Amino acid sequence: MPFWKCFYHAIWSTHKRQPLINEALEKVIFEAIIAKTRSMGGTVHAVNGIADHVHVAVSFPPTVAGTTWLQQVKGLSAHNVNDLFPNLDTHFRWQKGYGLLTFGARNLPKVVGYVNNQKTHHSVNTIIQYLEETDKD
């Protein structure tokens, strides 16, 4: 088996940044992200977010393109939300854009800490702007 260490910080948001993600949806979304990542040979180091976006610190093999991983986890998580919550006021979907950043193993604890503390960062305004970007202006 080849040796690899590929670390990513992924960010994506709900369609039109609608604040749709509540505690129940969050559980379904996070479980889908973790399950799909595992099925692709990867590891979710941290996953968290707020009502309108999600952050994931993740590793996946170099045989998986970042865009492929993003399509798969976004697709499965949206599908599961709509399947399990058919009576939502609006059909759940993700915005097309995303942010995907690479980082080294030495920075894994910092990125995991940032992801795990998303709710706090947003409530007290200690976000790091470039770690929040989901599309290029």
N, C-alpha and C. Protein backbone atom coordinates (compact mmCIF):
# COMPACT_ATOMS: atom_id res chain seq x y z
N MET A 1 0.85 -1.17 0.00
CA MET A 1 0.00 0.00 0.00
C MET A 1 0.91 1.25 0.00
N PRO A 2 0.60 2.22 -0.86
CA PRO A 2 1.44 3.43 -0.92
C PRO A 2 1.28 4.30 0.33
N PHE A 3 2.33 5.04 0.60
CA PHE A 3 2.31 5.98 1.71
C PHE A 3 1.81 7.33 1.21
N TRP A 4 0.89 7.95 1.94
CA TRP A 4 0.40 9.28 1.59
C TRP A 4 -0.09 10.01 2.84
N LYS A 5 0.03 11.29 2.83
CA LYS A 5 -0.50 12.18 3.87
C LYS A 5 -1.01 13.42 3.15
N CYS A 6 -2.30 13.47 2.91
CA CYS A 6 -2.92 14.59 2.20
C CYS A 6 -3.99 15.19 3.12
N PHE A 7 -3.79 16.42 3.51
CA PHE A 7 -4.69 17.09 4.45
C PHE A 7 -5.40 18.25 3.76
N TYR A 8 -6.71 18.34 3.99
CA TYR A 8 -7.52 19.38 3.37
C TYR A 8 -8.44 20.03 4.42
N HIS A 9 -8.73 21.29 4.19
CA HIS A 9 -9.76 22.00 4.94
C HIS A 9 -10.80 22.41 3.89
N ALA A 10 -11.98 21.85 4.00
CA ALA A 10 -13.05 22.12 3.04
C ALA A 10 -14.15 22.95 3.70
N ILE A 11 -14.71 23.87 2.91
CA ILE A 11 -15.78 24.74 3.38
C ILE A 11 -16.82 24.83 2.26
N TRP A 12 -18.08 24.68 2.59
CA TRP A 12 -19.13 24.94 1.61
C TRP A 12 -20.40 25.38 2.33
N SER A 13 -21.27 26.01 1.59
CA SER A 13 -22.44 26.63 2.22
C SER A 13 -23.74 26.15 1.60
N THR A 14 -24.81 26.41 2.33
CA THR A 14 -26.14 26.10 1.84
C THR A 14 -26.47 27.01 0.66
N HIS A 15 -27.41 26.59 -0.15
CA HIS A 15 -27.83 27.38 -1.30
C HIS A 15 -28.27 28.76 -0.83
N LYS A 16 -27.71 29.78 -1.46
CA LYS A 16 -27.99 31.18 -1.14
C LYS A 16 -27.70 31.52 0.33
N ARG A 17 -26.82 30.73 0.93
CA ARG A 17 -26.43 30.94 2.34
C ARG A 17 -27.65 30.99 3.28
N GLN A 18 -28.67 30.21 2.95
CA GLN A 18 -29.85 30.15 3.81
C GLN A 18 -29.48 29.47 5.13
N PRO A 19 -29.91 30.01 6.26
CA PRO A 19 -29.58 29.41 7.55
C PRO A 19 -30.49 28.21 7.86
N LEU A 20 -30.25 27.10 7.17
CA LEU A 20 -31.13 25.94 7.24
C LEU A 20 -30.65 24.84 8.17
N ILE A 21 -29.38 24.84 8.52
CA ILE A 21 -28.82 23.70 9.25
C ILE A 21 -29.09 23.86 10.74
N ASN A 22 -30.02 23.05 11.22
CA ASN A 22 -30.31 23.01 12.65
C ASN A 22 -29.63 21.77 13.23
N GLU A 23 -29.84 21.49 14.49
CA GLU A 23 -29.18 20.37 15.15
C GLU A 23 -29.52 19.03 14.51
N ALA A 24 -30.77 18.83 14.15
CA ALA A 24 -31.19 17.55 13.55
C ALA A 24 -30.56 17.36 12.16
N LEU A 25 -30.58 18.39 11.34
CA LEU A 25 -29.97 18.30 10.01
C LEU A 25 -28.46 18.16 10.11
N GLU A 26 -27.87 18.87 11.04
CA GLU A 26 -26.42 18.81 11.24
C GLU A 26 -25.97 17.37 11.48
N LYS A 27 -26.69 16.65 12.32
CA LYS A 27 -26.35 15.25 12.62
C LYS A 27 -26.36 14.41 11.35
N VAL A 28 -27.38 14.56 10.53
CA VAL A 28 -27.50 13.79 9.29
C VAL A 28 -26.38 14.18 8.32
N ILE A 29 -26.12 15.46 8.20
CA ILE A 29 -25.08 15.95 7.29
C ILE A 29 -23.71 15.43 7.71
N PHE A 30 -23.38 15.56 8.98
CA PHE A 30 -22.07 15.14 9.46
C PHE A 30 -21.89 13.63 9.31
N GLU A 31 -22.93 12.86 9.63
CA GLU A 31 -22.85 11.41 9.48
C GLU A 31 -22.62 11.02 8.02
N ALA A 32 -23.28 11.71 7.09
CA ALA A 32 -23.11 11.42 5.67
C ALA A 32 -21.69 11.75 5.21
N ILE A 33 -21.16 12.88 5.67
CA ILE A 33 -19.80 13.28 5.30
C ILE A 33 -18.79 12.24 5.79
N ILE A 34 -18.95 11.81 7.02
CA ILE A 34 -18.02 10.83 7.60
C ILE A 34 -18.13 9.49 6.88
N ALA A 35 -19.35 9.02 6.65
CA ALA A 35 -19.55 7.73 5.99
C ALA A 35 -19.00 7.73 4.56
N LYS A 36 -19.30 8.77 3.80
CA LYS A 36 -18.84 8.83 2.41
C LYS A 36 -17.31 8.93 2.36
N THR A 37 -16.74 9.72 3.26
CA THR A 37 -15.28 9.86 3.29
C THR A 37 -14.62 8.52 3.60
N ARG A 38 -15.14 7.80 4.56
CA ARG A 38 -14.60 6.47 4.89
C ARG A 38 -14.70 5.53 3.70
N SER A 39 -15.83 5.57 3.00
CA SER A 39 -16.01 4.67 1.85
C SER A 39 -15.05 4.99 0.71
N MET A 40 -14.49 6.21 0.72
CA MET A 40 -13.53 6.62 -0.30
C MET A 40 -12.09 6.48 0.19
N GLY A 41 -11.92 5.85 1.36
CA GLY A 41 -10.59 5.61 1.89
C GLY A 41 -10.01 6.75 2.69
N GLY A 42 -10.85 7.70 3.10
CA GLY A 42 -10.38 8.88 3.80
C GLY A 42 -10.74 8.88 5.27
N THR A 43 -10.33 9.96 5.94
CA THR A 43 -10.58 10.15 7.36
C THR A 43 -11.05 11.57 7.60
N VAL A 44 -12.14 11.72 8.31
CA VAL A 44 -12.59 13.04 8.74
C VAL A 44 -11.96 13.29 10.11
N HIS A 45 -11.13 14.31 10.19
CA HIS A 45 -10.47 14.66 11.44
C HIS A 45 -11.37 15.56 12.29
N ALA A 46 -12.18 16.37 11.65
CA ALA A 46 -13.13 17.24 12.35
C ALA A 46 -14.17 17.70 11.35
N VAL A 47 -15.40 17.85 11.82
CA VAL A 47 -16.48 18.40 11.00
C VAL A 47 -17.36 19.23 11.92
N ASN A 48 -17.73 20.41 11.44
CA ASN A 48 -18.55 21.31 12.23
C ASN A 48 -19.07 22.41 11.31
N GLY A 49 -19.83 23.30 11.85
CA GLY A 49 -20.33 24.40 11.05
C GLY A 49 -21.36 25.20 11.81
N ILE A 50 -22.03 26.06 11.06
CA ILE A 50 -23.11 26.86 11.63
C ILE A 50 -24.31 26.70 10.69
N ALA A 51 -25.32 27.51 10.87
CA ALA A 51 -26.59 27.33 10.16
C ALA A 51 -26.49 27.42 8.65
N ASP A 52 -25.44 28.09 8.13
CA ASP A 52 -25.39 28.25 6.67
C ASP A 52 -24.13 27.68 6.00
N HIS A 53 -23.25 27.05 6.75
CA HIS A 53 -22.09 26.43 6.10
C HIS A 53 -21.43 25.38 6.98
N VAL A 54 -20.57 24.58 6.33
CA VAL A 54 -19.91 23.45 6.97
C VAL A 54 -18.41 23.55 6.73
N HIS A 55 -17.63 23.12 7.72
CA HIS A 55 -16.18 23.00 7.62
C HIS A 55 -15.80 21.55 7.88
N VAL A 56 -14.82 21.05 7.13
CA VAL A 56 -14.33 19.69 7.35
C VAL A 56 -12.81 19.70 7.26
N ALA A 57 -12.15 19.12 8.25
CA ALA A 57 -10.72 18.82 8.18
C ALA A 57 -10.67 17.34 7.80
N VAL A 58 -10.05 17.04 6.68
CA VAL A 58 -10.16 15.70 6.11
C VAL A 58 -8.87 15.28 5.43
N SER A 59 -8.67 13.98 5.38
CA SER A 59 -7.60 13.39 4.58
C SER A 59 -8.25 12.36 3.66
N PHE A 60 -7.82 12.34 2.43
CA PHE A 60 -8.25 11.28 1.52
C PHE A 60 -7.11 10.98 0.57
N PRO A 61 -7.10 9.78 -0.01
CA PRO A 61 -5.97 9.36 -0.84
C PRO A 61 -5.78 10.25 -2.07
N PRO A 62 -4.55 10.32 -2.56
CA PRO A 62 -4.29 11.13 -3.75
C PRO A 62 -4.97 10.58 -5.01
N THR A 63 -5.51 9.37 -4.93
CA THR A 63 -6.26 8.81 -6.05
C THR A 63 -7.66 9.42 -6.16
N VAL A 64 -8.07 10.15 -5.11
CA VAL A 64 -9.39 10.82 -5.09
C VAL A 64 -9.16 12.31 -5.33
N ALA A 65 -9.75 12.83 -6.37
CA ALA A 65 -9.65 14.27 -6.64
C ALA A 65 -10.49 15.03 -5.62
N GLY A 66 -10.01 16.21 -5.23
CA GLY A 66 -10.75 17.02 -4.27
C GLY A 66 -12.17 17.32 -4.72
N THR A 67 -12.33 17.62 -6.01
CA THR A 67 -13.68 17.92 -6.51
C THR A 67 -14.58 16.68 -6.47
N THR A 68 -14.00 15.51 -6.68
CA THR A 68 -14.78 14.28 -6.60
C THR A 68 -15.26 14.06 -5.18
N TRP A 69 -14.36 14.22 -4.22
CA TRP A 69 -14.75 14.06 -2.82
C TRP A 69 -15.85 15.05 -2.46
N LEU A 70 -15.68 16.32 -2.85
CA LEU A 70 -16.68 17.34 -2.55
C LEU A 70 -18.03 17.00 -3.17
N GLN A 71 -18.05 16.61 -4.43
CA GLN A 71 -19.31 16.24 -5.08
C GLN A 71 -20.00 15.10 -4.34
N GLN A 72 -19.21 14.12 -3.96
CA GLN A 72 -19.77 12.94 -3.30
C GLN A 72 -20.34 13.27 -1.91
N VAL A 73 -19.60 14.01 -1.09
CA VAL A 73 -20.10 14.30 0.26
C VAL A 73 -21.24 15.32 0.22
N LYS A 74 -21.15 16.29 -0.65
CA LYS A 74 -22.25 17.25 -0.76
C LYS A 74 -23.51 16.55 -1.28
N GLY A 75 -23.34 15.71 -2.28
CA GLY A 75 -24.48 15.01 -2.86
C GLY A 75 -25.16 14.08 -1.88
N LEU A 76 -24.37 13.25 -1.19
CA LEU A 76 -24.96 12.31 -0.24
C LEU A 76 -25.61 13.03 0.93
N SER A 77 -24.95 14.05 1.45
CA SER A 77 -25.53 14.74 2.62
C SER A 77 -26.84 15.44 2.26
N ALA A 78 -26.90 16.09 1.10
CA ALA A 78 -28.15 16.75 0.67
C ALA A 78 -29.24 15.70 0.43
N HIS A 79 -28.88 14.61 -0.21
CA HIS A 79 -29.84 13.54 -0.47
C HIS A 79 -30.41 13.00 0.85
N ASN A 80 -29.53 12.73 1.81
CA ASN A 80 -29.99 12.19 3.09
C ASN A 80 -30.89 13.16 3.84
N VAL A 81 -30.55 14.44 3.81
CA VAL A 81 -31.41 15.43 4.48
C VAL A 81 -32.79 15.43 3.84
N ASN A 82 -32.85 15.48 2.53
CA ASN A 82 -34.15 15.53 1.84
C ASN A 82 -34.93 14.23 2.02
N ASP A 83 -34.23 13.10 2.10
CA ASP A 83 -34.88 11.81 2.30
C ASP A 83 -35.45 11.69 3.71
N LEU A 84 -34.69 12.12 4.69
CA LEU A 84 -35.12 11.98 6.08
C LEU A 84 -36.03 13.11 6.57
N PHE A 85 -36.00 14.25 5.87
CA PHE A 85 -36.83 15.40 6.24
C PHE A 85 -37.61 15.89 5.02
N PRO A 86 -38.56 15.08 4.54
CA PRO A 86 -39.27 15.44 3.30
C PRO A 86 -40.19 16.65 3.44
N ASN A 87 -40.50 17.06 4.65
CA ASN A 87 -41.43 18.16 4.85
C ASN A 87 -40.75 19.49 5.20
N LEU A 88 -39.48 19.63 4.84
CA LEU A 88 -38.80 20.91 5.07
C LEU A 88 -39.50 22.00 4.25
N ASP A 89 -39.41 23.22 4.72
CA ASP A 89 -40.03 24.34 4.02
C ASP A 89 -39.45 24.52 2.62
N THR A 90 -38.19 24.17 2.44
CA THR A 90 -37.53 24.29 1.15
C THR A 90 -36.67 23.05 0.93
N HIS A 91 -36.52 22.66 -0.32
CA HIS A 91 -35.67 21.53 -0.68
C HIS A 91 -34.23 21.87 -0.29
N PHE A 92 -33.59 21.00 0.48
CA PHE A 92 -32.24 21.28 0.94
C PHE A 92 -31.24 21.05 -0.19
N ARG A 93 -30.37 22.03 -0.38
CA ARG A 93 -29.28 21.86 -1.34
C ARG A 93 -28.12 22.78 -0.98
N TRP A 94 -26.99 22.42 -1.53
CA TRP A 94 -25.77 23.17 -1.28
C TRP A 94 -25.51 24.16 -2.41
N GLN A 95 -24.81 25.21 -2.09
CA GLN A 95 -24.34 26.16 -3.10
C GLN A 95 -23.27 25.46 -3.94
N LYS A 96 -23.12 25.87 -5.19
CA LYS A 96 -22.14 25.24 -6.06
C LYS A 96 -20.71 25.47 -5.63
N GLY A 97 -20.40 26.62 -5.10
CA GLY A 97 -19.03 26.96 -4.74
C GLY A 97 -18.54 26.20 -3.52
N TYR A 98 -17.26 26.30 -3.28
CA TYR A 98 -16.63 25.67 -2.12
C TYR A 98 -15.25 26.27 -1.94
N GLY A 99 -14.67 26.02 -0.79
CA GLY A 99 -13.27 26.32 -0.54
C GLY A 99 -12.58 25.02 -0.23
N LEU A 100 -11.40 24.81 -0.78
CA LEU A 100 -10.64 23.59 -0.50
C LEU A 100 -9.18 24.00 -0.37
N LEU A 101 -8.68 23.91 0.85
CA LEU A 101 -7.32 24.33 1.17
C LEU A 101 -6.50 23.12 1.60
N THR A 102 -5.24 23.09 1.23
CA THR A 102 -4.35 22.04 1.70
C THR A 102 -3.52 22.57 2.86
N PHE A 103 -3.08 21.67 3.69
CA PHE A 103 -2.20 22.06 4.80
C PHE A 103 -1.35 20.86 5.18
N GLY A 104 -0.26 21.12 5.89
CA GLY A 104 0.66 20.08 6.31
C GLY A 104 0.25 19.43 7.61
N ALA A 105 0.80 18.24 7.85
CA ALA A 105 0.48 17.47 9.05
C ALA A 105 0.75 18.27 10.33
N ARG A 106 1.76 19.10 10.32
CA ARG A 106 2.11 19.91 11.49
C ARG A 106 0.97 20.85 11.89
N ASN A 107 0.16 21.27 10.92
CA ASN A 107 -0.95 22.19 11.18
C ASN A 107 -2.28 21.50 11.48
N LEU A 108 -2.29 20.17 11.46
CA LEU A 108 -3.54 19.44 11.71
C LEU A 108 -4.20 19.85 13.03
N PRO A 109 -3.50 19.92 14.15
CA PRO A 109 -4.17 20.32 15.39
C PRO A 109 -4.81 21.71 15.32
N LYS A 110 -4.16 22.65 14.65
CA LYS A 110 -4.71 24.00 14.52
C LYS A 110 -5.98 23.99 13.68
N VAL A 111 -5.96 23.28 12.57
CA VAL A 111 -7.13 23.23 11.69
C VAL A 111 -8.27 22.50 12.38
N VAL A 112 -7.98 21.39 13.03
CA VAL A 112 -9.01 20.66 13.78
C VAL A 112 -9.63 21.56 14.85
N GLY A 113 -8.78 22.31 15.56
CA GLY A 113 -9.29 23.23 16.58
C GLY A 113 -10.19 24.30 15.97
N TYR A 114 -9.78 24.83 14.82
CA TYR A 114 -10.58 25.86 14.16
C TYR A 114 -11.95 25.30 13.75
N VAL A 115 -11.94 24.11 13.17
CA VAL A 115 -13.20 23.48 12.74
C VAL A 115 -14.07 23.17 13.95
N ASN A 116 -13.50 22.55 14.97
CA ASN A 116 -14.28 22.17 16.15
C ASN A 116 -14.90 23.36 16.86
N ASN A 117 -14.30 24.53 16.73
CA ASN A 117 -14.78 25.72 17.43
C ASN A 117 -15.54 26.69 16.52
N GLN A 118 -16.10 26.20 15.44
CA GLN A 118 -16.81 27.06 14.50
C GLN A 118 -17.91 27.90 15.14
N LYS A 119 -18.73 27.28 15.92
CA LYS A 119 -19.85 28.03 16.51
C LYS A 119 -19.35 29.18 17.39
N THR A 120 -18.31 28.91 18.15
CA THR A 120 -17.72 29.96 18.98
C THR A 120 -17.09 31.04 18.13
N HIS A 121 -16.29 30.65 17.13
CA HIS A 121 -15.65 31.64 16.26
C HIS A 121 -16.67 32.59 15.65
N HIS A 122 -17.79 32.06 15.22
CA HIS A 122 -18.80 32.91 14.59
C HIS A 122 -19.58 33.73 15.62
N SER A 123 -19.77 33.21 16.81
CA SER A 123 -20.54 33.96 17.80
C SER A 123 -19.73 35.11 18.41
N VAL A 124 -18.40 34.96 18.49
CA VAL A 124 -17.58 36.03 19.09
C VAL A 124 -16.70 36.72 18.05
N ASN A 125 -16.95 36.43 16.78
CA ASN A 125 -16.26 37.05 15.66
C ASN A 125 -14.73 36.89 15.72
N THR A 126 -14.29 35.65 15.87
CA THR A 126 -12.85 35.34 15.82
C THR A 126 -12.53 34.47 14.61
N ILE A 127 -13.34 34.60 13.56
CA ILE A 127 -13.10 33.80 12.36
C ILE A 127 -11.81 34.26 11.67
N ILE A 128 -11.22 33.35 10.93
CA ILE A 128 -10.07 33.65 10.08
C ILE A 128 -10.63 33.67 8.66
N GLN A 129 -10.66 34.84 8.05
CA GLN A 129 -11.40 35.05 6.81
C GLN A 129 -11.04 34.06 5.70
N TYR A 130 -9.75 33.83 5.45
CA TYR A 130 -9.39 32.94 4.34
C TYR A 130 -9.79 31.49 4.60
N LEU A 131 -10.04 31.13 5.87
CA LEU A 131 -10.52 29.79 6.18
C LEU A 131 -12.04 29.70 6.07
N GLU A 132 -12.67 30.79 5.67
CA GLU A 132 -14.12 30.84 5.52
C GLU A 132 -14.55 31.00 4.06
N GLU A 133 -13.61 31.19 3.16
CA GLU A 133 -13.92 31.48 1.76
C GLU A 133 -14.51 30.26 1.05
N THR A 134 -15.58 30.49 0.30
CA THR A 134 -16.20 29.40 -0.47
C THR A 134 -16.23 29.68 -1.96
N ASP A 135 -15.85 30.84 -2.37
CA ASP A 135 -15.72 31.12 -3.80
C ASP A 135 -14.83 32.32 -4.00
N LYS A 136 -14.32 32.43 -5.22
CA LYS A 136 -13.37 33.48 -5.54
C LYS A 136 -14.11 34.68 -6.13
N ASP A 137 -13.86 35.85 -5.57
CA ASP A 137 -14.50 37.07 -6.10
C ASP A 137 -13.77 37.56 -7.33
